[in-house]
Amino acid sequence: MKQIIFLFILLLFMLSCKKEKADLIIINSKTYTVNNSFDTVEAFAIKDGKFISTGTNEEILKKYDALKTIDAKNKTIVPGLIDAHCHFYRMGLQQQKVSLEGTKSYDEVLNKIVLFQKEKKTSFITGRGWDQNDWKIKVFPTKKKLDMLFPNIPVAVSRVDGHALLVNQAAINLSGITKNTKVTGGEIIIKDGEMTGVLIDAAMDFIKFPSTTRNEAIQGLLEAQKISFSYGLTTIDDAGLKRQTIELIDSLQQAKDLKIRIYAMVSGDSQEDLDYYTNKGIIKTNRLNVRSFKVYGDGALGSRGAAMRKPYTDRENHFGALIYPSKRYQEIAKQIAASDYQMNTHAIGDSANTWMLKTYKEVLENSKNRRWRIEHAQIISNEDFIKFENIIPSVQPTHATSDMYWAKARVGEKRMKGAYAYKKLLNIYGKIALGTDFPVEQVNPFLTFYAATIRKDLNDLPKNGFQIENSLSRDETLKGMTIWAAYSNFEEDEKGSIENGKFADFVILDQNIMEIEGAEIPKTKVISTFLNGERVY
């Protein structure tokens, strides 16, 4: 009998000592979980692509055996980063076109186009990235030199924000537009009675671009994924995709060629796509979420296309413009409100924000948890801030530090008080979603972190930070790039923090962005990016 009791006790002891199985254990880290308590932990365990436990090294190693254990060597770990507003597909395609980012003069733009064409020898030259505000002479270019260099090959290159297009006469001839073509929601820039070659917003739609081939589209998506993973991005919100592209993304994800998670905002430009998705309903997989529409309210401030309530300070009697007639926004909003979809509207000027907030309120009435978003929310009238109580502000902090050199000249001192007011928006809604708007800005999310918290450019200017009263704390910024961005996508229960049951998406950094000196933040590098517990970079 004693022997049986001894064997029973021994069996219980052995069972109590048996460890649970995990696929991966991370130890010796400073991991910011971004849970409700904003806890930091040393270690965590992963199984079947999800986090299963967090704690100290001793707690995790005592409880689990893993197929693989990684010693993080005291490096910083954060949840997989989410870019709440970008143009992932467009950025991928841009890798195959002429890049004009960072050009400091129109002559440099022309030189880059010439060098590109010598190498690529394309039948239609396209690209993006020029910004006249970065040039010594801060005026729109004209097509005169472009016509001389390329008299027969069409050229169409967009401004960095995608709201202005420079074209040559060959592209104009191909598209059949004239200086007398009527435009609603945009402008054909005329000088001395002739077309300059610059088209604003809706006027750009008249240009007939060559179609993107399927192979080009696939290559673009894969290149964009590679770049995104290298910066620690595991989920991206692609703002404005057509059905054809969304279905291609889904097929590549199902084939496991495209692993990155995508929150796809369907382009609201197409009534056909509006009808298709509102009738079909939400489409959700572990990597693709289709439940929102991206609608353009107005243009960009840099090209003076943003819709303003009073004239631009630096252009007499010019107000910018809404992209559509006001009635059309009501029609779109009503259709989306009658579905389970979210409406995310690009609104930069104070007039666009006023109109869209009014429209949202009218169509949503007392609807709960719709999480409709204003994208950019760039210039807000003082009386409109309170209207963000039930509307998510989705902003891009690097816009503030890119625009700060010239924004005041555009809108004047009074309106600047309601511009790039991220802290004020956060205080009203309680959350704020942060993104980059790449390729308008750089992909690098650590520039987002720097711009949000320090509000300076890479030259450490201005000395005291740009409108520093609207800076975010480091905790708030990390939340905006993780859990709050996930919330804005209805995904906070599956990602955005390192907690049990959530997807094992996380990033190992070479320095601690939560503690280092502000000027060091932009130098941060990603050591490794993990998605579903798999190292993807």
Protein backbone atom coordinates (compact mmCIF):
# COMPACT_ATOMS: atom_id res chain seq x y z
CA MET A 1 0.00 0.00 0.00
CA LYS A 2 2.80 2.40 0.90
CA GLN A 3 4.43 1.64 -2.44
CA ILE A 4 1.24 2.52 -4.32
CA ILE A 5 0.92 5.82 -2.43
CA PHE A 6 4.58 6.62 -3.16
CA LEU A 7 4.12 5.92 -6.89
CA PHE A 8 0.96 8.07 -6.93
CA ILE A 9 2.77 11.00 -5.27
CA LEU A 10 5.70 10.58 -7.68
CA LEU A 11 3.31 10.64 -10.65
CA LEU A 12 1.67 13.84 -9.40
CA PHE A 13 5.08 15.42 -8.94
CA MET A 14 6.15 14.45 -12.45
CA LEU A 15 2.94 15.81 -13.92
CA SER A 16 3.36 19.07 -12.01
CA CYS A 17 6.87 19.43 -13.38
CA LYS A 18 5.85 18.81 -16.99
CA LYS A 19 6.17 21.97 -19.06
CA GLU A 20 3.71 23.20 -21.65
CA LYS A 21 4.81 23.27 -25.28
CA ALA A 22 5.42 26.51 -27.16
CA ASP A 23 6.72 27.19 -30.65
CA LEU A 24 8.85 30.20 -29.73
CA ILE A 25 10.04 31.86 -26.54
CA ILE A 26 11.61 35.33 -26.35
CA ILE A 27 13.70 36.10 -23.26
CA ASN A 28 15.90 38.94 -21.96
CA SER A 29 13.93 41.75 -23.59
CA LYS A 30 12.31 45.00 -22.59
CA THR A 31 8.94 44.37 -24.16
CA TYR A 32 6.30 47.08 -24.20
CA THR A 33 3.08 45.08 -24.24
CA VAL A 34 0.83 48.15 -24.82
CA ASN A 35 -1.87 46.42 -22.78
CA ASN A 36 -4.31 48.43 -20.68
CA SER A 37 -1.69 48.91 -17.97
CA PHE A 38 1.10 49.58 -20.49
CA ASP A 39 3.16 46.87 -18.76
CA THR A 40 6.71 45.95 -19.71
CA VAL A 41 7.87 42.33 -19.49
CA GLU A 42 11.08 40.38 -19.95
CA ALA A 43 9.76 37.39 -21.86
CA PHE A 44 6.83 35.88 -23.72
CA ALA A 45 5.80 32.63 -25.37
CA ILE A 46 4.12 31.94 -28.72
CA LYS A 47 2.17 28.96 -30.03
CA ASP A 48 0.27 28.51 -33.30
CA GLY A 49 1.03 32.07 -34.34
CA LYS A 50 -0.38 33.71 -31.20
CA PHE A 51 0.93 35.00 -27.89
CA ILE A 52 0.14 32.58 -25.08
CA SER A 53 1.95 34.07 -22.08
CA THR A 54 4.02 37.05 -20.92
CA GLY A 55 6.12 37.49 -17.80
CA THR A 56 9.60 37.32 -16.37
CA ASN A 57 12.33 35.11 -17.81
CA GLU A 58 11.94 32.76 -14.87
CA GLU A 59 8.16 32.51 -15.20
CA ILE A 60 8.19 31.77 -18.93
CA LEU A 61 11.12 29.33 -18.89
CA LYS A 62 9.68 27.48 -15.91
CA LYS A 63 6.31 27.03 -17.58
CA TYR A 64 7.22 26.37 -21.23
CA ASP A 65 9.46 24.29 -23.45
CA ALA A 66 9.84 25.69 -26.96
CA LEU A 67 11.09 24.50 -30.30
CA LYS A 68 13.11 27.72 -30.44
CA THR A 69 14.22 30.28 -27.86
CA ILE A 70 15.55 33.71 -28.82
CA ASP A 71 17.68 35.74 -26.45
CA ALA A 72 16.77 39.37 -27.21
CA LYS A 73 19.90 40.57 -25.40
CA ASN A 74 18.04 43.33 -23.56
CA LYS A 75 16.75 44.90 -26.78
CA THR A 76 13.44 46.75 -26.97
CA ILE A 77 10.39 44.94 -28.36
CA VAL A 78 7.10 46.57 -29.36
CA PRO A 79 3.94 45.16 -30.94
CA GLY A 80 3.91 44.93 -34.73
CA LEU A 81 3.53 48.48 -36.01
CA ILE A 82 0.39 49.54 -37.86
CA ASP A 83 0.38 52.33 -40.44
CA ALA A 84 -3.17 53.66 -40.17
CA HIS A 85 -3.06 55.55 -43.46
CA CYS A 86 -0.79 54.90 -46.40
CA HIS A 87 -0.78 53.93 -50.06
CA PHE A 88 0.97 50.57 -49.98
CA TYR A 89 0.06 49.45 -53.50
CA ARG A 90 0.88 52.85 -54.99
CA MET A 91 4.25 52.85 -53.23
CA GLY A 92 5.01 49.41 -54.66
CA LEU A 93 4.20 50.56 -58.18
CA GLN A 94 6.33 53.66 -57.63
CA GLN A 95 9.40 51.43 -57.28
CA GLN A 96 9.05 50.82 -61.01
CA LYS A 97 8.67 54.51 -61.93
CA VAL A 98 10.78 57.66 -61.78
CA SER A 99 11.21 58.84 -58.19
CA LEU A 100 11.35 62.60 -57.72
CA GLU A 101 11.31 62.75 -53.91
CA GLY A 102 13.80 65.17 -52.39
CA THR A 103 14.40 67.17 -55.56
CA LYS A 104 15.47 70.73 -54.77
CA SER A 105 14.70 72.39 -58.11
CA TYR A 106 12.72 71.88 -61.29
CA ASP A 107 15.97 71.36 -63.20
CA GLU A 108 16.78 68.47 -60.86
CA VAL A 109 13.34 67.00 -61.60
CA LEU A 110 14.01 67.21 -65.33
CA ASN A 111 17.47 65.67 -64.94
CA LYS A 112 16.04 62.70 -63.03
CA ILE A 113 13.41 62.13 -65.69
CA VAL A 114 16.05 62.20 -68.43
CA LEU A 115 18.30 59.71 -66.58
CA PHE A 116 15.31 57.44 -65.88
CA GLN A 117 14.29 57.39 -69.53
CA LYS A 118 17.83 56.62 -70.71
CA GLU A 119 17.75 53.49 -68.56
CA LYS A 120 14.11 52.38 -68.88
CA LYS A 121 13.18 53.57 -72.40
CA THR A 122 9.45 53.54 -71.61
CA SER A 123 6.68 54.58 -74.01
CA PHE A 124 4.98 56.69 -71.30
CA ILE A 125 7.02 58.23 -68.47
CA THR A 126 5.27 58.28 -65.10
CA GLY A 127 6.42 58.95 -61.55
CA ARG A 128 5.86 61.09 -58.50
CA GLY A 129 7.48 63.06 -55.72
CA TRP A 130 8.22 66.64 -56.81
CA ASP A 131 7.29 69.42 -54.40
CA GLN A 132 7.66 73.05 -55.44
CA ASN A 133 7.67 74.06 -51.78
CA ASP A 134 11.11 72.46 -51.47
CA TRP A 135 12.53 74.56 -54.32
CA LYS A 136 14.21 77.95 -54.09
CA ILE A 137 11.54 79.32 -56.44
CA LYS A 138 8.36 78.00 -54.79
CA VAL A 139 6.00 78.14 -57.76
CA PHE A 140 4.42 75.45 -59.90
CA PRO A 141 6.59 74.40 -62.86
CA THR A 142 5.50 74.69 -66.47
CA LYS A 143 5.77 72.14 -69.25
CA LYS A 144 7.94 74.25 -71.58
CA LYS A 145 11.26 72.49 -70.84
CA LEU A 146 9.50 69.13 -70.58
CA ASP A 147 8.10 69.61 -74.10
CA MET A 148 11.57 70.38 -75.43
CA LEU A 149 13.10 67.27 -73.82
CA PHE A 150 10.23 64.91 -74.69
CA PRO A 151 8.31 66.23 -77.70
CA ASN A 152 6.82 62.83 -78.59
CA ILE A 153 6.87 60.70 -75.41
CA PRO A 154 4.02 61.42 -72.94
CA VAL A 155 5.18 62.45 -69.46
CA ALA A 156 2.92 62.65 -66.39
CA VAL A 157 4.56 63.00 -62.98
CA SER A 158 2.59 63.76 -59.83
CA ARG A 159 3.36 66.05 -56.95
CA VAL A 160 4.43 64.37 -53.71
CA ASP A 161 0.90 64.51 -52.27
CA GLY A 162 -0.73 63.03 -55.37
CA HIS A 163 -3.01 66.06 -55.76
CA ALA A 164 -1.22 67.81 -58.63
CA LEU A 165 0.12 66.44 -61.87
CA LEU A 166 2.72 67.85 -64.26
CA VAL A 167 2.20 66.71 -67.85
CA ASN A 168 3.79 67.55 -71.18
CA GLN A 169 2.03 68.40 -74.43
CA ALA A 170 2.34 64.82 -75.70
CA ALA A 171 0.33 63.58 -72.70
CA ILE A 172 -2.19 66.39 -73.17
CA ASN A 173 -2.63 65.52 -76.86
CA LEU A 174 -3.03 61.82 -76.05
CA SER A 175 -5.73 62.61 -73.50
CA GLY A 176 -7.59 65.16 -75.60
CA ILE A 177 -7.93 67.93 -73.02
CA THR A 178 -7.67 71.67 -73.68
CA LYS A 179 -7.52 74.82 -71.60
CA ASN A 180 -11.28 75.05 -72.03
CA THR A 181 -12.04 71.59 -70.63
CA LYS A 182 -14.53 71.99 -67.79
CA VAL A 183 -13.39 70.66 -64.42
CA THR A 184 -15.42 70.19 -61.23
CA GLY A 185 -13.41 69.65 -58.06
CA GLY A 186 -10.07 70.60 -59.53
CA GLU A 187 -8.24 73.03 -61.81
CA ILE A 188 -6.29 73.28 -65.05
CA ILE A 189 -3.58 75.85 -64.30
CA ILE A 190 -3.47 78.54 -66.99
CA LYS A 191 -0.75 81.17 -67.40
CA ASP A 192 -0.69 83.87 -70.07
CA GLY A 193 -3.69 82.22 -71.66
CA GLU A 194 -2.01 78.82 -72.11
CA MET A 195 -1.95 75.53 -70.21
CA THR A 196 1.10 75.26 -67.96
CA GLY A 197 0.90 71.47 -67.80
CA VAL A 198 -0.11 71.45 -64.12
CA LEU A 199 -3.44 69.81 -63.30
CA ILE A 200 -5.00 69.88 -59.84
CA ASP A 201 -7.13 67.10 -58.30
CA ALA A 202 -10.12 66.19 -60.54
CA ALA A 203 -8.36 67.67 -63.59
CA MET A 204 -5.80 64.86 -63.32
CA ASP A 205 -8.50 62.30 -64.14
CA PHE A 206 -8.50 63.43 -67.78
CA ILE A 207 -5.00 62.07 -68.36
CA LYS A 208 -5.03 58.62 -69.94
CA PHE A 209 -2.34 56.55 -68.22
CA PRO A 210 -1.17 53.19 -69.54
CA SER A 211 -2.76 50.24 -67.75
CA THR A 212 -0.74 48.40 -65.10
CA THR A 213 -0.11 44.77 -66.05
CA ARG A 214 -0.86 41.97 -63.59
CA ASN A 215 2.85 41.15 -63.31
CA GLU A 216 3.66 44.79 -62.55
CA ALA A 217 0.94 44.86 -59.89
CA ILE A 218 2.22 41.67 -58.23
CA GLN A 219 5.81 42.89 -58.29
CA GLY A 220 4.72 46.20 -56.78
CA LEU A 221 2.86 44.53 -53.92
CA LEU A 222 5.78 42.25 -53.11
CA GLU A 223 8.29 45.10 -53.18
CA ALA A 224 6.05 47.21 -50.93
CA GLN A 225 5.83 44.29 -48.48
CA LYS A 226 9.60 43.94 -48.36
CA ILE A 227 10.06 47.63 -47.60
CA SER A 228 7.28 47.64 -44.98
CA PHE A 229 8.66 44.63 -43.10
CA SER A 230 12.09 46.28 -42.98
CA TYR A 231 10.50 49.12 -40.97
CA GLY A 232 8.58 46.89 -38.57
CA LEU A 233 5.18 47.34 -40.20
CA THR A 234 3.00 44.25 -39.89
CA THR A 235 -0.37 45.83 -40.75
CA ILE A 236 -0.98 48.61 -43.23
CA ASP A 237 -4.18 50.52 -43.96
CA ASP A 238 -4.15 51.05 -47.73
CA ALA A 239 -6.30 54.12 -48.37
CA GLY A 240 -8.21 53.77 -51.63
CA LEU A 241 -8.07 50.46 -53.49
CA LYS A 242 -10.11 49.22 -56.42
CA ARG A 243 -11.86 45.86 -56.32
CA GLN A 244 -9.43 44.35 -58.84
CA THR A 245 -6.45 45.19 -56.61
CA ILE A 246 -8.15 43.95 -53.45
CA GLU A 247 -8.91 40.62 -55.11
CA LEU A 248 -5.30 40.35 -56.30
CA ILE A 249 -4.10 41.02 -52.73
CA ASP A 250 -6.42 38.31 -51.42
CA SER A 251 -5.17 35.78 -53.98
CA LEU A 252 -1.52 36.52 -53.13
CA GLN A 253 -2.26 36.21 -49.41
CA GLN A 254 -4.08 32.91 -49.91
CA ALA A 255 -1.05 31.66 -51.85
CA LYS A 256 1.13 32.84 -48.92
CA ASP A 257 3.22 35.05 -51.21
CA LEU A 258 1.89 38.20 -49.56
CA LYS A 259 2.05 37.84 -45.78
CA ILE A 260 1.57 41.38 -44.53
CA ARG A 261 -1.84 42.19 -43.03
CA ILE A 262 -3.87 44.72 -45.01
CA TYR A 263 -6.81 46.83 -43.92
CA ALA A 264 -8.18 47.69 -47.33
CA MET A 265 -10.13 50.90 -47.76
CA VAL A 266 -12.15 50.53 -50.94
CA SER A 267 -11.95 53.56 -53.20
CA GLY A 268 -15.19 55.52 -52.92
CA ASP A 269 -14.63 56.96 -56.40
CA SER A 270 -16.38 54.02 -58.05
CA GLN A 271 -20.14 53.65 -57.68
CA GLU A 272 -19.76 50.12 -58.99
CA ASP A 273 -17.40 49.23 -56.12
CA LEU A 274 -19.61 51.03 -53.60
CA ASP A 275 -22.55 48.90 -54.70
CA TYR A 276 -20.55 45.67 -54.81
CA TYR A 277 -19.04 45.85 -51.32
CA THR A 278 -22.02 47.36 -49.49
CA ASN A 279 -24.15 44.53 -50.91
CA LYS A 280 -21.55 41.82 -50.30
CA GLY A 281 -20.75 42.84 -46.74
CA ILE A 282 -17.53 42.71 -44.73
CA ILE A 283 -14.74 40.46 -46.04
CA LYS A 284 -12.40 39.26 -43.29
CA THR A 285 -9.50 36.83 -43.17
CA ASN A 286 -6.51 36.74 -40.79
CA ARG A 287 -4.57 38.94 -43.21
CA LEU A 288 -7.19 40.94 -45.12
CA ASN A 289 -9.97 43.13 -43.75
CA VAL A 290 -12.32 44.84 -46.19
CA ARG A 291 -14.89 46.88 -44.29
CA SER A 292 -14.27 50.55 -45.13
CA PHE A 293 -14.39 53.08 -47.93
CA LYS A 294 -11.88 55.86 -48.57
CA VAL A 295 -13.53 59.01 -49.89
CA TYR A 296 -11.77 62.21 -51.00
CA GLY A 297 -13.24 65.33 -49.45
CA ASP A 298 -10.80 67.83 -50.91
CA GLY A 299 -7.28 68.19 -52.26
CA ALA A 300 -3.96 69.02 -50.58
CA LEU A 301 -2.73 72.16 -48.86
CA GLY A 302 0.58 72.17 -50.75
CA SER A 303 -1.18 72.48 -54.11
CA ARG A 304 -3.86 74.80 -52.65
CA GLY A 305 -6.53 72.21 -53.38
CA ALA A 306 -7.63 71.85 -49.75
CA ALA A 307 -11.12 73.35 -49.33
CA MET A 308 -11.01 76.43 -47.10
CA ARG A 309 -13.83 78.44 -45.52
CA LYS A 310 -12.04 81.71 -46.33
CA PRO A 311 -9.55 82.44 -49.14
CA TYR A 312 -5.96 81.26 -48.99
CA THR A 313 -3.75 83.90 -47.41
CA ASP A 314 -1.26 83.66 -50.28
CA ARG A 315 -3.73 83.49 -53.17
CA GLU A 316 -6.47 86.07 -53.42
CA ASN A 317 -10.04 84.82 -53.76
CA HIS A 318 -8.93 81.17 -53.94
CA PHE A 319 -10.70 78.69 -51.66
CA GLY A 320 -9.58 75.29 -52.94
CA ALA A 321 -12.47 72.91 -53.60
CA LEU A 322 -14.39 69.86 -52.54
CA ILE A 323 -13.76 66.97 -54.95
CA TYR A 324 -17.49 66.28 -55.41
CA PRO A 325 -20.63 68.40 -55.18
CA SER A 326 -21.83 68.49 -51.55
CA LYS A 327 -24.91 66.43 -52.42
CA ARG A 328 -22.70 63.58 -53.60
CA TYR A 329 -21.08 63.23 -50.16
CA GLN A 330 -24.52 62.85 -48.61
CA GLU A 331 -25.40 60.14 -51.13
CA ILE A 332 -22.17 58.22 -50.48
CA ALA A 333 -22.45 58.57 -46.70
CA LYS A 334 -26.07 57.39 -46.67
CA GLN A 335 -25.22 54.32 -48.72
CA ILE A 336 -22.31 53.41 -46.45
CA ALA A 337 -24.31 54.15 -43.28
CA ALA A 338 -26.96 51.66 -44.42
CA SER A 339 -24.27 48.94 -44.54
CA ASP A 340 -21.78 47.60 -41.98
CA TYR A 341 -18.97 49.54 -43.63
CA GLN A 342 -16.89 52.38 -42.23
CA MET A 343 -16.44 55.71 -44.04
CA ASN A 344 -12.94 57.24 -43.96
CA THR A 345 -12.82 60.66 -45.58
CA HIS A 346 -9.76 62.65 -46.64
CA ALA A 347 -10.38 66.14 -45.24
CA ILE A 348 -7.57 68.68 -45.03
CA GLY A 349 -9.05 72.16 -45.30
CA ASP A 350 -11.30 73.60 -42.59
CA SER A 351 -14.23 73.76 -45.01
CA ALA A 352 -13.84 70.08 -45.97
CA ASN A 353 -13.66 69.08 -42.30
CA THR A 354 -16.74 71.16 -41.45
CA TRP A 355 -18.76 69.64 -44.26
CA MET A 356 -17.75 66.04 -43.65
CA LEU A 357 -18.31 66.24 -39.89
CA LYS A 358 -21.77 67.69 -40.58
CA THR A 359 -22.52 64.95 -43.11
CA TYR A 360 -21.33 62.21 -40.76
CA LYS A 361 -23.55 63.49 -37.95
CA GLU A 362 -26.62 63.66 -40.17
CA VAL A 363 -26.36 60.15 -41.60
CA LEU A 364 -25.14 58.35 -38.48
CA GLU A 365 -27.69 59.95 -36.14
CA ASN A 366 -27.54 57.81 -32.97
CA SER A 367 -25.64 54.86 -34.47
CA LYS A 368 -23.21 53.24 -32.05
CA ASN A 369 -19.65 52.01 -32.61
CA ARG A 370 -19.44 52.93 -36.30
CA ARG A 371 -15.89 54.25 -35.87
CA TRP A 372 -16.04 56.50 -38.94
CA ARG A 373 -12.79 58.33 -39.51
CA ILE A 374 -11.57 61.67 -40.79
CA GLU A 375 -8.27 61.09 -42.57
CA HIS A 376 -5.70 63.89 -42.06
CA ALA A 377 -8.00 66.22 -40.04
CA GLN A 378 -5.40 68.83 -40.87
CA ILE A 379 -7.01 72.24 -40.36
CA ILE A 380 -9.97 72.38 -38.00
CA SER A 381 -12.13 75.38 -37.10
CA ASN A 382 -12.29 75.92 -33.36
CA GLU A 383 -16.01 75.13 -33.17
CA ASP A 384 -15.53 71.85 -35.06
CA PHE A 385 -13.14 70.14 -32.65
CA ILE A 386 -15.96 69.00 -30.34
CA LYS A 387 -17.54 67.18 -33.30
CA PHE A 388 -14.72 64.62 -33.09
CA GLU A 389 -16.33 63.18 -29.95
CA ASN A 390 -17.61 60.25 -32.00
CA ILE A 391 -15.32 60.45 -35.04
CA ILE A 392 -11.82 58.95 -35.09
CA PRO A 393 -9.03 61.37 -36.08
CA SER A 394 -6.56 59.52 -38.32
CA VAL A 395 -3.51 61.73 -38.77
CA GLN A 396 0.02 61.66 -40.11
CA PRO A 397 2.48 63.49 -37.82
CA THR A 398 5.18 63.96 -40.46
CA HIS A 399 2.76 66.17 -42.41
CA ALA A 400 3.15 68.71 -39.63
CA THR A 401 6.94 68.79 -39.80
CA SER A 402 6.94 68.73 -43.62
CA ASP A 403 4.41 71.54 -43.98
CA MET A 404 5.54 73.78 -41.11
CA TYR A 405 7.88 75.85 -43.33
CA TRP A 406 5.09 77.19 -45.56
CA ALA A 407 1.70 76.26 -44.03
CA LYS A 408 1.30 79.58 -42.21
CA ALA A 409 1.79 81.47 -45.48
CA ARG A 410 -1.05 79.42 -46.98
CA VAL A 411 -3.64 79.80 -44.24
CA GLY A 412 -2.54 82.62 -41.93
CA GLU A 413 -1.80 82.77 -38.22
CA LYS A 414 -5.40 82.44 -36.97
CA ARG A 415 -6.17 79.23 -38.85
CA MET A 416 -2.82 77.72 -37.87
CA LYS A 417 -4.10 77.49 -34.28
CA GLY A 418 -6.39 74.69 -35.40
CA ALA A 419 -3.82 73.03 -37.68
CA TYR A 420 -1.99 69.74 -36.96
CA ALA A 421 -3.64 69.80 -33.52
CA TYR A 422 -3.06 66.16 -32.63
CA LYS A 423 -3.13 66.52 -28.84
CA LYS A 424 -6.37 68.46 -28.95
CA LEU A 425 -7.97 65.83 -31.20
CA LEU A 426 -6.74 63.07 -28.91
CA ASN A 427 -8.16 64.76 -25.83
CA ILE A 428 -11.59 64.98 -27.47
CA TYR A 429 -11.93 61.47 -28.94
CA GLY A 430 -9.68 59.64 -26.47
CA LYS A 431 -7.75 57.82 -29.16
CA ILE A 432 -5.86 58.82 -32.29
CA ALA A 433 -4.72 56.65 -35.20
CA LEU A 434 -1.28 57.44 -36.62
CA GLY A 435 0.11 56.79 -40.08
CA THR A 436 2.54 58.16 -42.63
CA ASP A 437 0.58 58.62 -45.88
CA PHE A 438 3.54 57.04 -47.68
CA PRO A 439 4.71 57.52 -50.38
CA VAL A 440 3.68 61.15 -49.79
CA GLU A 441 5.98 60.95 -46.76
CA GLN A 442 8.66 58.37 -46.03
CA VAL A 443 7.67 54.83 -45.00
CA ASN A 444 9.81 55.03 -41.84
CA PRO A 445 7.48 54.87 -38.78
CA PHE A 446 10.21 56.19 -36.49
CA LEU A 447 9.93 59.51 -38.29
CA THR A 448 6.23 59.39 -37.35
CA PHE A 449 7.22 58.74 -33.74
CA TYR A 450 9.71 61.62 -33.80
CA ALA A 451 7.34 64.09 -35.46
CA ALA A 452 4.51 63.25 -33.06
CA THR A 453 6.58 63.55 -29.88
CA ILE A 454 9.34 66.05 -30.66
CA ARG A 455 7.67 68.06 -33.48
CA LYS A 456 10.97 68.92 -35.15
CA ASP A 457 12.62 68.23 -38.49
CA LEU A 458 15.78 66.17 -38.90
CA ASN A 459 17.87 69.31 -38.43
CA ASP A 460 16.49 69.68 -34.89
CA LEU A 461 14.33 72.66 -35.90
CA PRO A 462 12.44 74.63 -34.77
CA LYS A 463 14.29 74.98 -31.50
CA ASN A 464 11.25 74.52 -29.25
CA GLY A 465 9.30 72.25 -31.57
CA PHE A 466 6.53 73.13 -34.02
CA GLN A 467 3.34 74.05 -32.13
CA ILE A 468 4.71 71.87 -29.35
CA GLU A 469 1.52 72.16 -27.31
CA ASN A 470 0.03 69.60 -29.70
CA SER A 471 2.80 67.04 -29.35
CA LEU A 472 1.90 63.56 -28.10
CA SER A 473 3.61 61.68 -25.28
CA ARG A 474 5.69 58.62 -26.20
CA ASP A 475 3.10 56.30 -24.64
CA GLU A 476 0.33 57.97 -26.65
CA THR A 477 2.35 57.79 -29.84
CA LEU A 478 3.14 54.10 -29.48
CA LYS A 479 -0.55 53.44 -28.81
CA GLY A 480 -1.44 55.46 -31.91
CA MET A 481 0.87 53.23 -33.97
CA THR A 482 -0.42 49.98 -32.44
CA ILE A 483 -3.53 49.45 -30.30
CA TRP A 484 -5.39 52.65 -31.27
CA ALA A 485 -4.67 52.06 -34.94
CA ALA A 486 -5.99 48.51 -34.47
CA TYR A 487 -9.10 49.96 -32.81
CA SER A 488 -9.66 52.27 -35.77
CA ASN A 489 -9.75 49.08 -37.90
CA PHE A 490 -12.08 47.15 -35.52
CA GLU A 491 -9.11 44.85 -34.85
CA GLU A 492 -8.13 45.64 -31.25
CA ASP A 493 -9.11 42.15 -30.07
CA GLU A 494 -6.62 40.45 -32.39
CA LYS A 495 -3.63 42.78 -32.70
CA GLY A 496 -2.06 46.02 -31.50
CA SER A 497 -0.66 44.70 -28.21
CA ILE A 498 1.34 41.77 -26.88
CA GLU A 499 -1.36 39.89 -24.98
CA ASN A 500 -2.56 36.32 -24.76
CA GLY A 501 -4.63 35.20 -27.72
CA LYS A 502 -3.52 37.96 -30.09
CA PHE A 503 -1.53 37.47 -33.28
CA ALA A 504 2.17 37.16 -32.49
CA ASP A 505 3.21 40.26 -34.44
CA PHE A 506 6.16 42.10 -32.88
CA VAL A 507 9.32 44.04 -33.68
CA ILE A 508 12.79 43.98 -32.13
CA LEU A 509 14.48 47.41 -32.20
CA ASP A 510 18.13 48.36 -31.89
CA GLN A 511 17.38 51.09 -29.33
CA ASN A 512 14.64 52.05 -26.90
CA ILE A 513 12.44 54.68 -28.53
CA MET A 514 10.61 55.16 -25.24
CA GLU A 515 13.72 56.35 -23.38
CA ILE A 516 16.41 57.66 -25.74
CA GLU A 517 17.04 61.33 -26.43
CA GLY A 518 14.56 62.76 -28.90
CA ALA A 519 17.15 63.49 -31.58
CA GLU A 520 18.13 59.79 -31.61
CA ILE A 521 14.65 58.51 -32.44
CA PRO A 522 14.93 58.85 -36.27
CA LYS A 523 18.11 56.74 -36.21
CA THR A 524 16.21 53.71 -34.86
CA LYS A 525 16.61 50.52 -36.88
CA VAL A 526 14.58 47.33 -36.93
CA ILE A 527 16.57 44.22 -36.01
CA SER A 528 13.76 41.76 -36.71
CA THR A 529 10.08 41.80 -37.64
CA PHE A 530 7.85 38.88 -36.69
CA LEU A 531 4.38 38.14 -38.01
CA ASN A 532 2.41 35.21 -36.54
CA GLY A 533 5.59 34.31 -34.68
CA GLU A 534 7.44 33.92 -37.99
CA ARG A 535 10.49 36.08 -38.68
CA VAL A 536 9.68 37.96 -41.89
CA TYR A 537 12.60 40.41 -41.68
